[in-house]
Amino acid sequence: MRLLALPVTLIVVAVLIYLLMLLLRDTRRARGGDTAATRPRWEIDTVMENGWTLVVVRKVRPGRDGPVELTRQTVRAIADDDPNWDERYREAMAEARSRLSTLEIESF
């Protein structure tokens, strides 16, 4: 009987350690630990205000009430009545995608 006591004890201790690790991981996740879903990310956005279209790259992180903007870089401002608005917008979006990829690389 004493021969089985040591392996059973080791198994019980291992199970308790495993359950403790699961509990700590879930607690950290509930507090908003640094997981891939809560890390800030860069995204491209278009803002229209006061007769201008702004193409911006912004860094956001998820918040309780939606994304929280941490920083913003304006790539280009285009007047809404510009006759070449479409062409300028496509150029601005291409530049914004390039800047976004550069900022993502630098973030790691």
PDB file of N, CA and C in Angstrom:
ATOM      1  N   MET A   1       0.804  -1.191   0.000  1.00  0.00           N
ATOM      2  CA  MET A   1       0.000   0.000   0.000  1.00  0.00           C
ATOM      3  C   MET A   1       0.849   1.258   0.000  1.00  0.00           C
ATOM      4  N   ARG A   2       1.940   1.247   0.782  1.00  0.00           N
ATOM      5  CA  ARG A   2       2.826   2.402   0.815  1.00  0.00           C
ATOM      6  C   ARG A   2       3.499   2.627  -0.535  1.00  0.00           C
ATOM      7  N   LEU A   3       3.612   1.587  -1.304  1.00  0.00           N
ATOM      8  CA  LEU A   3       4.226   1.668  -2.622  1.00  0.00           C
ATOM      9  C   LEU A   3       3.400   2.566  -3.559  1.00  0.00           C
ATOM     10  N   LEU A   4       2.080   2.567  -3.437  1.00  0.00           N
ATOM     11  CA  LEU A   4       1.199   3.378  -4.273  1.00  0.00           C
ATOM     12  C   LEU A   4       1.011   4.795  -3.728  1.00  0.00           C
ATOM     13  N   ALA A   5       1.327   5.056  -2.511  1.00  0.00           N
ATOM     14  CA  ALA A   5       1.090   6.363  -1.893  1.00  0.00           C
ATOM     15  C   ALA A   5       1.904   7.459  -2.576  1.00  0.00           C
ATOM     16  N   LEU A   6       3.156   7.203  -2.886  1.00  0.00           N
ATOM     17  CA  LEU A   6       4.003   8.228  -3.508  1.00  0.00           C
ATOM     18  C   LEU A   6       3.523   8.581  -4.918  1.00  0.00           C
ATOM     19  N   PRO A   7       3.241   7.629  -5.823  1.00  0.00           N
ATOM     20  CA  PRO A   7       2.740   8.013  -7.145  1.00  0.00           C
ATOM     21  C   PRO A   7       1.384   8.736  -7.094  1.00  0.00           C
ATOM     22  N   VAL A   8       0.499   8.296  -6.212  1.00  0.00           N
ATOM     23  CA  VAL A   8      -0.796   8.954  -6.085  1.00  0.00           C
ATOM     24  C   VAL A   8      -0.614  10.380  -5.587  1.00  0.00           C
ATOM     25  N   THR A   9       0.251  10.583  -4.628  1.00  0.00           N
ATOM     26  CA  THR A   9       0.539  11.919  -4.106  1.00  0.00           C
ATOM     27  C   THR A   9       1.106  12.814  -5.203  1.00  0.00           C
ATOM     28  N   LEU A  10       2.022  12.307  -5.996  1.00  0.00           N
ATOM     29  CA  LEU A  10       2.601  13.084  -7.084  1.00  0.00           C
ATOM     30  C   LEU A  10       1.553  13.462  -8.129  1.00  0.00           C
ATOM     31  N   ILE A  11       0.652  12.550  -8.433  1.00  0.00           N
ATOM     32  CA  ILE A  11      -0.410  12.834  -9.402  1.00  0.00           C
ATOM     33  C   ILE A  11      -1.350  13.910  -8.866  1.00  0.00           C
ATOM     34  N   VAL A  12      -1.710  13.818  -7.605  1.00  0.00           N
ATOM     35  CA  VAL A  12      -2.596  14.827  -6.997  1.00  0.00           C
ATOM     36  C   VAL A  12      -1.924  16.192  -6.998  1.00  0.00           C
ATOM     37  N   VAL A  13      -0.649  16.264  -6.651  1.00  0.00           N
ATOM     38  CA  VAL A  13       0.080  17.534  -6.655  1.00  0.00           C
ATOM     39  C   VAL A  13       0.156  18.096  -8.070  1.00  0.00           C
ATOM     40  N   ALA A  14       0.405  17.259  -9.064  1.00  0.00           N
ATOM     41  CA  ALA A  14       0.484  17.721 -10.452  1.00  0.00           C
ATOM     42  C   ALA A  14      -0.868  18.273 -10.916  1.00  0.00           C
ATOM     43  N   VAL A  15      -1.955  17.607 -10.560  1.00  0.00           N
ATOM     44  CA  VAL A  15      -3.288  18.077 -10.934  1.00  0.00           C
ATOM     45  C   VAL A  15      -3.580  19.417 -10.253  1.00  0.00           C
ATOM     46  N   LEU A  16      -3.232  19.568  -9.002  1.00  0.00           N
ATOM     47  CA  LEU A  16      -3.449  20.826  -8.293  1.00  0.00           C
ATOM     48  C   LEU A  16      -2.639  21.970  -8.912  1.00  0.00           C
ATOM     49  N   ILE A  17      -1.415  21.698  -9.282  1.00  0.00           N
ATOM     50  CA  ILE A  17      -0.590  22.726  -9.938  1.00  0.00           C
ATOM     51  C   ILE A  17      -1.193  23.115 -11.281  1.00  0.00           C
ATOM     52  N   TYR A  18      -1.661  22.134 -12.027  1.00  0.00           N
ATOM     53  CA  TYR A  18      -2.291  22.406 -13.322  1.00  0.00           C
ATOM     54  C   TYR A  18      -3.543  23.273 -13.151  1.00  0.00           C
ATOM     55  N   LEU A  19      -4.385  22.934 -12.183  1.00  0.00           N
ATOM     56  CA  LEU A  19      -5.597  23.725 -11.934  1.00  0.00           C
ATOM     57  C   LEU A  19      -5.255  25.144 -11.473  1.00  0.00           C
ATOM     58  N   LEU A  20      -4.218  25.292 -10.673  1.00  0.00           N
ATOM     59  CA  LEU A  20      -3.782  26.613 -10.240  1.00  0.00           C
ATOM     60  C   LEU A  20      -3.301  27.450 -11.426  1.00  0.00           C
ATOM     61  N   MET A  21      -2.574  26.831 -12.334  1.00  0.00           N
ATOM     62  CA  MET A  21      -2.097  27.542 -13.533  1.00  0.00           C
ATOM     63  C   MET A  21      -3.284  27.990 -14.392  1.00  0.00           C
ATOM     64  N   LEU A  22      -4.275  27.140 -14.573  1.00  0.00           N
ATOM     65  CA  LEU A  22      -5.470  27.518 -15.336  1.00  0.00           C
ATOM     66  C   LEU A  22      -6.195  28.679 -14.676  1.00  0.00           C
ATOM     67  N   LEU A  23      -6.313  28.648 -13.372  1.00  0.00           N
ATOM     68  CA  LEU A  23      -6.990  29.718 -12.641  1.00  0.00           C
ATOM     69  C   LEU A  23      -6.247  31.036 -12.799  1.00  0.00           C
ATOM     70  N   LEU A  24      -4.926  31.020 -12.675  1.00  0.00           N
ATOM     71  CA  LEU A  24      -4.135  32.243 -12.821  1.00  0.00           C
ATOM     72  C   LEU A  24      -4.211  32.792 -14.243  1.00  0.00           C
ATOM     73  N   ARG A  25      -4.195  31.921 -15.237  1.00  0.00           N
ATOM     74  CA  ARG A  25      -4.279  32.360 -16.624  1.00  0.00           C
ATOM     75  C   ARG A  25      -5.628  33.013 -16.901  1.00  0.00           C
ATOM     76  N   ASP A  26      -6.717  32.427 -16.412  1.00  0.00           N
ATOM     77  CA  ASP A  26      -8.043  33.008 -16.613  1.00  0.00           C
ATOM     78  C   ASP A  26      -8.187  34.331 -15.877  1.00  0.00           C
ATOM     79  N   THR A  27      -7.601  34.456 -14.692  1.00  0.00           N
ATOM     80  CA  THR A  27      -7.657  35.712 -13.942  1.00  0.00           C
ATOM     81  C   THR A  27      -6.912  36.810 -14.678  1.00  0.00           C
ATOM     82  N   ARG A  28      -5.745  36.501 -15.214  1.00  0.00           N
ATOM     83  CA  ARG A  28      -4.970  37.492 -15.954  1.00  0.00           C
ATOM     84  C   ARG A  28      -5.718  37.926 -17.207  1.00  0.00           C
ATOM     85  N   ARG A  29      -6.362  36.992 -17.870  1.00  0.00           N
ATOM     86  CA  ARG A  29      -7.124  37.303 -19.068  1.00  0.00           C
ATOM     87  C   ARG A  29      -8.325  38.197 -18.737  1.00  0.00           C
ATOM     88  N   ALA A  30      -8.985  37.936 -17.625  1.00  0.00           N
ATOM     89  CA  ALA A  30     -10.141  38.741 -17.215  1.00  0.00           C
ATOM     90  C   ALA A  30      -9.726  40.158 -16.838  1.00  0.00           C
ATOM     91  N   ARG A  31      -8.519  40.329 -16.290  1.00  0.00           N
ATOM     92  CA  ARG A  31      -8.024  41.662 -15.943  1.00  0.00           C
ATOM     93  C   ARG A  31      -7.570  42.445 -17.162  1.00  0.00           C
ATOM     94  N   GLY A  32      -7.502  41.803 -18.301  1.00  0.00           N
ATOM     95  CA  GLY A  32      -7.042  42.496 -19.507  1.00  0.00           C
ATOM     96  C   GLY A  32      -5.552  42.360 -19.700  1.00  0.00           C
ATOM     97  N   GLY A  33      -5.036  41.183 -19.481  1.00  0.00           N
ATOM     98  CA  GLY A  33      -3.613  40.943 -19.691  1.00  0.00           C
ATOM     99  C   GLY A  33      -3.221  41.208 -21.130  1.00  0.00           C
ATOM    100  N   ASP A  34      -1.935  41.292 -21.382  1.00  0.00           N
ATOM    101  CA  ASP A  34      -1.430  41.654 -22.701  1.00  0.00           C
ATOM    102  C   ASP A  34      -1.521  40.462 -23.646  1.00  0.00           C
ATOM    103  N   THR A  35      -2.694  40.260 -24.230  1.00  0.00           N
ATOM    104  CA  THR A  35      -2.886  39.210 -25.215  1.00  0.00           C
ATOM    105  C   THR A  35      -2.962  39.856 -26.590  1.00  0.00           C
ATOM    106  N   ALA A  36      -2.999  39.039 -27.607  1.00  0.00           N
ATOM    107  CA  ALA A  36      -3.053  39.576 -28.974  1.00  0.00           C
ATOM    108  C   ALA A  36      -4.311  40.410 -29.192  1.00  0.00           C
ATOM    109  N   ALA A  37      -5.397  40.072 -28.507  1.00  0.00           N
ATOM    110  CA  ALA A  37      -6.650  40.808 -28.685  1.00  0.00           C
ATOM    111  C   ALA A  37      -6.626  42.165 -27.995  1.00  0.00           C
ATOM    112  N   THR A  38      -5.756  42.370 -27.011  1.00  0.00           N
ATOM    113  CA  THR A  38      -5.730  43.644 -26.284  1.00  0.00           C
ATOM    114  C   THR A  38      -4.531  44.510 -26.635  1.00  0.00           C
ATOM    115  N   ARG A  39      -3.634  44.007 -27.439  1.00  0.00           N
ATOM    116  CA  ARG A  39      -2.481  44.818 -27.842  1.00  0.00           C
ATOM    117  C   ARG A  39      -2.903  45.931 -28.784  1.00  0.00           C
ATOM    118  N   PRO A  40      -2.249  47.084 -28.708  1.00  0.00           N
ATOM    119  CA  PRO A  40      -2.554  48.145 -29.675  1.00  0.00           C
ATOM    120  C   PRO A  40      -2.205  47.697 -31.092  1.00  0.00           C
ATOM    121  N   ARG A  41      -2.956  48.198 -32.060  1.00  0.00           N
ATOM    122  CA  ARG A  41      -2.690  47.870 -33.463  1.00  0.00           C
ATOM    123  C   ARG A  41      -2.820  49.136 -34.291  1.00  0.00           C
ATOM    124  N   TRP A  42      -2.154  49.134 -35.421  1.00  0.00           N
ATOM    125  CA  TRP A  42      -2.225  50.252 -36.357  1.00  0.00           C
ATOM    126  C   TRP A  42      -3.317  49.963 -37.374  1.00  0.00           C
ATOM    127  N   GLU A  43      -4.076  50.998 -37.755  1.00  0.00           N
ATOM    128  CA  GLU A  43      -5.107  50.835 -38.779  1.00  0.00           C
ATOM    129  C   GLU A  43      -5.236  52.124 -39.586  1.00  0.00           C
ATOM    130  N   ILE A  44      -5.755  51.965 -40.790  1.00  0.00           N
ATOM    131  CA  ILE A  44      -5.974  53.095 -41.697  1.00  0.00           C
ATOM    132  C   ILE A  44      -7.414  53.551 -41.521  1.00  0.00           C
ATOM    133  N   ASP A  45      -7.601  54.862 -41.529  1.00  0.00           N
ATOM    134  CA  ASP A  45      -8.945  55.416 -41.373  1.00  0.00           C
ATOM    135  C   ASP A  45      -9.083  56.634 -42.285  1.00  0.00           C
ATOM    136  N   THR A  46     -10.322  56.919 -42.651  1.00  0.00           N
ATOM    137  CA  THR A  46     -10.637  58.113 -43.433  1.00  0.00           C
ATOM    138  C   THR A  46     -11.582  58.964 -42.602  1.00  0.00           C
ATOM    139  N   VAL A  47     -11.215  60.220 -42.411  1.00  0.00           N
ATOM    140  CA  VAL A  47     -12.022  61.142 -41.617  1.00  0.00           C
ATOM    141  C   VAL A  47     -12.461  62.276 -42.532  1.00  0.00           C
ATOM    142  N   MET A  48     -13.742  62.595 -42.505  1.00  0.00           N
ATOM    143  CA  MET A  48     -14.262  63.702 -43.309  1.00  0.00           C
ATOM    144  C   MET A  48     -14.743  64.794 -42.371  1.00  0.00           C
ATOM    145  N   GLU A  49     -14.121  65.980 -42.473  1.00  0.00           N
ATOM    146  CA  GLU A  49     -14.510  67.089 -41.603  1.00  0.00           C
ATOM    147  C   GLU A  49     -14.209  68.427 -42.263  1.00  0.00           C
ATOM    148  N   ASN A  50     -15.131  69.344 -42.117  1.00  0.00           N
ATOM    149  CA  ASN A  50     -14.980  70.730 -42.582  1.00  0.00           C
ATOM    150  C   ASN A  50     -14.562  70.840 -44.046  1.00  0.00           C
ATOM    151  N   GLY A  51     -15.117  70.019 -44.918  1.00  0.00           N
ATOM    152  CA  GLY A  51     -14.811  70.107 -46.345  1.00  0.00           C
ATOM    153  C   GLY A  51     -13.506  69.441 -46.749  1.00  0.00           C
ATOM    154  N   TRP A  52     -12.919  68.660 -45.857  1.00  0.00           N
ATOM    155  CA  TRP A  52     -11.654  67.973 -46.136  1.00  0.00           C
ATOM    156  C   TRP A  52     -11.811  66.492 -45.853  1.00  0.00           C
ATOM    157  N   THR A  53     -11.103  65.698 -46.635  1.00  0.00           N
ATOM    158  CA  THR A  53     -11.004  64.260 -46.392  1.00  0.00           C
ATOM    159  C   THR A  53      -9.586  63.999 -45.905  1.00  0.00           C
ATOM    160  N   LEU A  54      -9.483  63.450 -44.712  1.00  0.00           N
ATOM    161  CA  LEU A  54      -8.171  63.147 -44.128  1.00  0.00           C
ATOM    162  C   LEU A  54      -7.954  61.641 -44.163  1.00  0.00           C
ATOM    163  N   VAL A  55      -6.847  61.230 -44.723  1.00  0.00           N
ATOM    164  CA  VAL A  55      -6.441  59.825 -44.681  1.00  0.00           C
ATOM    165  C   VAL A  55      -5.424  59.733 -43.551  1.00  0.00           C
ATOM    166  N   VAL A  56      -5.755  58.924 -42.539  1.00  0.00           N
ATOM    167  CA  VAL A  56      -4.915  58.852 -41.350  1.00  0.00           C
ATOM    168  C   VAL A  56      -4.538  57.411 -41.050  1.00  0.00           C
ATOM    169  N   VAL A  57      -3.424  57.264 -40.364  1.00  0.00           N
ATOM    170  CA  VAL A  57      -3.008  55.989 -39.793  1.00  0.00           C
ATOM    171  C   VAL A  57      -3.045  56.212 -38.291  1.00  0.00           C
ATOM    172  N   ARG A  58      -3.766  55.355 -37.590  1.00  0.00           N
ATOM    173  CA  ARG A  58      -3.900  55.559 -36.158  1.00  0.00           C
ATOM    174  C   ARG A  58      -3.631  54.278 -35.394  1.00  0.00           C
ATOM    175  N   LYS A  59      -3.155  54.460 -34.178  1.00  0.00           N
ATOM    176  CA  LYS A  59      -2.877  53.328 -33.298  1.00  0.00           C
ATOM    177  C   LYS A  59      -4.026  53.254 -32.299  1.00  0.00           C
ATOM    178  N   VAL A  60      -4.698  52.102 -32.261  1.00  0.00           N
ATOM    179  CA  VAL A  60      -5.841  51.923 -31.375  1.00  0.00           C
ATOM    180  C   VAL A  60      -5.673  50.642 -30.568  1.00  0.00           C
ATOM    181  N   ARG A  61      -6.353  50.626 -29.449  1.00  0.00           N
ATOM    182  CA  ARG A  61      -6.427  49.402 -28.644  1.00  0.00           C
ATOM    183  C   ARG A  61      -7.877  49.216 -28.245  1.00  0.00           C
ATOM    184  N   PRO A  62      -8.311  47.971 -28.054  1.00  0.00           N
ATOM    185  CA  PRO A  62      -9.691  47.736 -27.657  1.00  0.00           C
ATOM    186  C   PRO A  62      -9.953  48.303 -26.261  1.00  0.00           C
ATOM    187  N   GLY A  63     -11.101  48.918 -26.101  1.00  0.00           N
ATOM    188  CA  GLY A  63     -11.527  49.430 -24.803  1.00  0.00           C
ATOM    189  C   GLY A  63     -12.898  48.885 -24.470  1.00  0.00           C
ATOM    190  N   ARG A  64     -13.386  49.252 -23.322  1.00  0.00           N
ATOM    191  CA  ARG A  64     -14.712  48.758 -22.903  1.00  0.00           C
ATOM    192  C   ARG A  64     -15.816  49.267 -23.811  1.00  0.00           C
ATOM    193  N   ASP A  65     -15.705  50.518 -24.252  1.00  0.00           N
ATOM    194  CA  ASP A  65     -16.752  51.131 -25.078  1.00  0.00           C
ATOM    195  C   ASP A  65     -16.350  51.242 -26.541  1.00  0.00           C
ATOM    196  N   GLY A  66     -15.460  50.396 -26.997  1.00  0.00           N
ATOM    197  CA  GLY A  66     -14.993  50.441 -28.373  1.00  0.00           C
ATOM    198  C   GLY A  66     -13.520  50.783 -28.422  1.00  0.00           C
ATOM    199  N   PRO A  67     -12.980  50.945 -29.631  1.00  0.00           N
ATOM    200  CA  PRO A  67     -11.551  51.213 -29.747  1.00  0.00           C
ATOM    201  C   PRO A  67     -11.168  52.565 -29.153  1.00  0.00           C
ATOM    202  N   VAL A  68     -10.002  52.595 -28.513  1.00  0.00           N
ATOM    203  CA  VAL A  68      -9.460  53.817 -27.930  1.00  0.00           C
ATOM    204  C   VAL A  68      -8.278  54.239 -28.794  1.00  0.00           C
ATOM    205  N   GLU A  69      -8.314  55.451 -29.320  1.00  0.00           N
ATOM    206  CA  GLU A  69      -7.235  55.951 -30.173  1.00  0.00           C
ATOM    207  C   GLU A  69      -6.081  56.429 -29.303  1.00  0.00           C
ATOM    208  N   LEU A  70      -4.896  55.872 -29.548  1.00  0.00           N
ATOM    209  CA  LEU A  70      -3.710  56.249 -28.791  1.00  0.00           C
ATOM    210  C   LEU A  70      -2.915  57.343 -29.493  1.00  0.00           C
ATOM    211  N   THR A  71      -2.799  57.235 -30.802  1.00  0.00           N
ATOM    212  CA  THR A  71      -2.080  58.247 -31.579  1.00  0.00           C
ATOM    213  C   THR A  71      -2.606  58.239 -33.001  1.00  0.00           C
ATOM    214  N   ARG A  72      -2.361  59.340 -33.707  1.00  0.00           N
ATOM    215  CA  ARG A  72      -2.863  59.476 -35.077  1.00  0.00           C
ATOM    216  C   ARG A  72      -1.817  60.217 -35.909  1.00  0.00           C
ATOM    217  N   GLN A  73      -1.613  59.728 -37.121  1.00  0.00           N
ATOM    218  CA  GLN A  73      -0.751  60.407 -38.095  1.00  0.00           C
ATOM    219  C   GLN A  73      -1.571  60.687 -39.341  1.00  0.00           C
ATOM    220  N   THR A  74      -1.627  61.945 -39.743  1.00  0.00           N
ATOM    221  CA  THR A  74      -2.340  62.299 -40.961  1.00  0.00           C
ATOM    222  C   THR A  74      -1.413  62.075 -42.147  1.00  0.00           C
ATOM    223  N   VAL A  75      -1.854  61.250 -43.071  1.00  0.00           N
ATOM    224  CA  VAL A  75      -1.061  60.955 -44.265  1.00  0.00           C
ATOM    225  C   VAL A  75      -1.261  62.063 -45.295  1.00  0.00           C
ATOM    226  N   ARG A  76      -2.528  62.423 -45.529  1.00  0.00           N
ATOM    227  CA  ARG A  76      -2.810  63.453 -46.517  1.00  0.00           C
ATOM    228  C   ARG A  76      -4.187  64.048 -46.255  1.00  0.00           C
ATOM    229  N   ALA A  77      -4.333  65.337 -46.523  1.00  0.00           N
ATOM    230  CA  ALA A  77      -5.621  66.029 -46.461  1.00  0.00           C
ATOM    231  C   ALA A  77      -6.008  66.417 -47.880  1.00  0.00           C
ATOM    232  N   ILE A  78      -7.216  66.062 -48.279  1.00  0.00           N
ATOM    233  CA  ILE A  78      -7.682  66.318 -49.649  1.00  0.00           C
ATOM    234  C   ILE A  78      -8.953  67.157 -49.555  1.00  0.00           C
ATOM    235  N   ALA A  79      -8.979  68.257 -50.261  1.00  0.00           N
ATOM    236  CA  ALA A  79     -10.182  69.088 -50.280  1.00  0.00           C
ATOM    237  C   ALA A  79     -11.304  68.324 -50.978  1.00  0.00           C
ATOM    238  N   ASP A  80     -12.509  68.419 -50.421  1.00  0.00           N
ATOM    239  CA  ASP A  80     -13.634  67.682 -50.991  1.00  0.00           C
ATOM    240  C   ASP A  80     -14.012  68.157 -52.389  1.00  0.00           C
ATOM    241  N   ASP A  81     -13.691  69.407 -52.719  1.00  0.00           N
ATOM    242  CA  ASP A  81     -14.036  69.922 -54.045  1.00  0.00           C
ATOM    243  C   ASP A  81     -12.870  69.829 -55.036  1.00  0.00           C
ATOM    244  N   ASP A  82     -11.834  69.095 -54.685  1.00  0.00           N
ATOM    245  CA  ASP A  82     -10.678  68.915 -55.567  1.00  0.00           C
ATOM    246  C   ASP A  82     -11.117  68.110 -56.798  1.00  0.00           C
ATOM    247  N   PRO A  83     -10.844  68.598 -58.019  1.00  0.00           N
ATOM    248  CA  PRO A  83     -11.263  67.865 -59.220  1.00  0.00           C
ATOM    249  C   PRO A  83     -10.562  66.506 -59.369  1.00  0.00           C
ATOM    250  N   ASN A  84      -9.398  66.348 -58.780  1.00  0.00           N
ATOM    251  CA  ASN A  84      -8.651  65.082 -58.847  1.00  0.00           C
ATOM    252  C   ASN A  84      -8.774  64.301 -57.537  1.00  0.00           C
ATOM    253  N   TRP A  85      -9.910  64.427 -56.879  1.00  0.00           N
ATOM    254  CA  TRP A  85     -10.090  63.823 -55.568  1.00  0.00           C
ATOM    255  C   TRP A  85      -9.862  62.316 -55.601  1.00  0.00           C
ATOM    256  N   ASP A  86     -10.434  61.614 -56.581  1.00  0.00           N
ATOM    257  CA  ASP A  86     -10.301  60.153 -56.658  1.00  0.00           C
ATOM    258  C   ASP A  86      -8.844  59.715 -56.755  1.00  0.00           C
ATOM    259  N   GLU A  87      -8.121  60.362 -57.654  1.00  0.00           N
ATOM    260  CA  GLU A  87      -6.713  60.015 -57.848  1.00  0.00           C
ATOM    261  C   GLU A  87      -5.903  60.307 -56.587  1.00  0.00           C
ATOM    262  N   ARG A  88      -6.127  61.459 -55.983  1.00  0.00           N
ATOM    263  CA  ARG A  88      -5.385  61.820 -54.769  1.00  0.00           C
ATOM    264  C   ARG A  88      -5.735  60.877 -53.606  1.00  0.00           C
ATOM    265  N   TYR A  89      -6.992  60.470 -53.539  1.00  0.00           N
ATOM    266  CA  TYR A  89      -7.407  59.548 -52.482  1.00  0.00           C
ATOM    267  C   TYR A  89      -6.722  58.189 -52.646  1.00  0.00           C
ATOM    268  N   ARG A  90      -6.674  57.671 -53.869  1.00  0.00           N
ATOM    269  CA  ARG A  90      -5.993  56.386 -54.105  1.00  0.00           C
ATOM    270  C   ARG A  90      -4.512  56.482 -53.762  1.00  0.00           C
ATOM    271  N   GLU A  91      -3.880  57.589 -54.132  1.00  0.00           N
ATOM    272  CA  GLU A  91      -2.467  57.775 -53.787  1.00  0.00           C
ATOM    273  C   GLU A  91      -2.276  57.839 -52.271  1.00  0.00           C
ATOM    274  N   ALA A  92      -3.164  58.545 -51.593  1.00  0.00           N
ATOM    275  CA  ALA A  92      -3.071  58.664 -50.139  1.00  0.00           C
ATOM    276  C   ALA A  92      -3.265  57.314 -49.464  1.00  0.00           C
ATOM    277  N   MET A  93      -4.201  56.509 -49.970  1.00  0.00           N
ATOM    278  CA  MET A  93      -4.422  55.190 -49.389  1.00  0.00           C
ATOM    279  C   MET A  93      -3.213  54.277 -49.606  1.00  0.00           C
ATOM    280  N   ALA A  94      -2.583  54.368 -50.767  1.00  0.00           N
ATOM    281  CA  ALA A  94      -1.377  53.569 -51.022  1.00  0.00           C
ATOM    282  C   ALA A  94      -0.258  53.989 -50.072  1.00  0.00           C
ATOM    283  N   GLU A  95      -0.102  55.290 -49.874  1.00  0.00           N
ATOM    284  CA  GLU A  95       0.910  55.791 -48.943  1.00  0.00           C
ATOM    285  C   GLU A  95       0.578  55.356 -47.513  1.00  0.00           C
ATOM    286  N   ALA A  96      -0.704  55.393 -47.152  1.00  0.00           N
ATOM    287  CA  ALA A  96      -1.118  54.981 -45.806  1.00  0.00           C
ATOM    288  C   ALA A  96      -0.832  53.497 -45.572  1.00  0.00           C
ATOM    289  N   ARG A  97      -1.086  52.650 -46.576  1.00  0.00           N
ATOM    290  CA  ARG A  97      -0.789  51.219 -46.428  1.00  0.00           C
ATOM    291  C   ARG A  97       0.707  50.988 -46.254  1.00  0.00           C
ATOM    292  N   SER A  98       1.513  51.737 -46.985  1.00  0.00           N
ATOM    293  CA  SER A  98       2.958  51.621 -46.854  1.00  0.00           C
ATOM    294  C   SER A  98       3.411  52.053 -45.455  1.00  0.00           C
ATOM    295  N   ARG A  99       2.867  53.158 -44.982  1.00  0.00           N
ATOM    296  CA  ARG A  99       3.230  53.649 -43.654  1.00  0.00           C
ATOM    297  C   ARG A  99       2.765  52.668 -42.574  1.00  0.00           C
ATOM    298  N   LEU A 100       1.581  52.102 -42.757  1.00  0.00           N
ATOM    299  CA  LEU A 100       1.052  51.149 -41.792  1.00  0.00           C
ATOM    300  C   LEU A 100       1.969  49.939 -41.659  1.00  0.00           C
ATOM    301  N   SER A 101       2.411  49.407 -42.786  1.00  0.00           N
ATOM    302  CA  SER A 101       3.294  48.235 -42.728  1.00  0.00           C
ATOM    303  C   SER A 101       4.624  48.586 -42.051  1.00  0.00           C
ATOM    304  N   THR A 102       5.133  49.775 -42.316  1.00  0.00           N
ATOM    305  CA  THR A 102       6.376  50.209 -41.669  1.00  0.00           C
ATOM    306  C   THR A 102       6.179  50.345 -40.164  1.00  0.00           C
ATOM    307  N   LEU A 103       5.086  50.954 -39.744  1.00  0.00           N
ATOM    308  CA  LEU A 103       4.828  51.125 -38.312  1.00  0.00           C
ATOM    309  C   LEU A 103       4.602  49.791 -37.607  1.00  0.00           C
ATOM    310  N   GLU A 104       3.949  48.845 -38.275  1.00  0.00           N
ATOM    311  CA  GLU A 104       3.756  47.524 -37.683  1.00  0.00           C
ATOM    312  C   GLU A 104       5.065  46.805 -37.481  1.00  0.00           C
ATOM    313  N   ILE A 105       5.963  46.917 -38.467  1.00  0.00           N
ATOM    314  CA  ILE A 105       7.270  46.281 -38.349  1.00  0.00           C
ATOM    315  C   ILE A 105       8.066  46.898 -37.199  1.00  0.00           C
ATOM    316  N   GLU A 106       8.007  48.235 -37.072  1.00  0.00           N
ATOM    317  CA  GLU A 106       8.740  48.910 -36.022  1.00  0.00           C
ATOM    318  C   GLU A 106       8.152  48.666 -34.636  1.00  0.00           C
ATOM    319  N   SER A 107       6.895  48.259 -34.568  1.00  0.00           N
ATOM    320  CA  SER A 107       6.246  48.037 -33.269  1.00  0.00           C
ATOM    321  C   SER A 107       6.732  46.763 -32.591  1.00  0.00           C
ATOM    322  N   PHE A 108       7.314  45.846 -33.344  1.00  0.00           N
ATOM    323  CA  PHE A 108       7.746  44.578 -32.740  1.00  0.00           C
ATOM    324  C   PHE A 108       9.156  44.625 -32.341  1.00  0.00           C
TER     325      PHE A 108
END
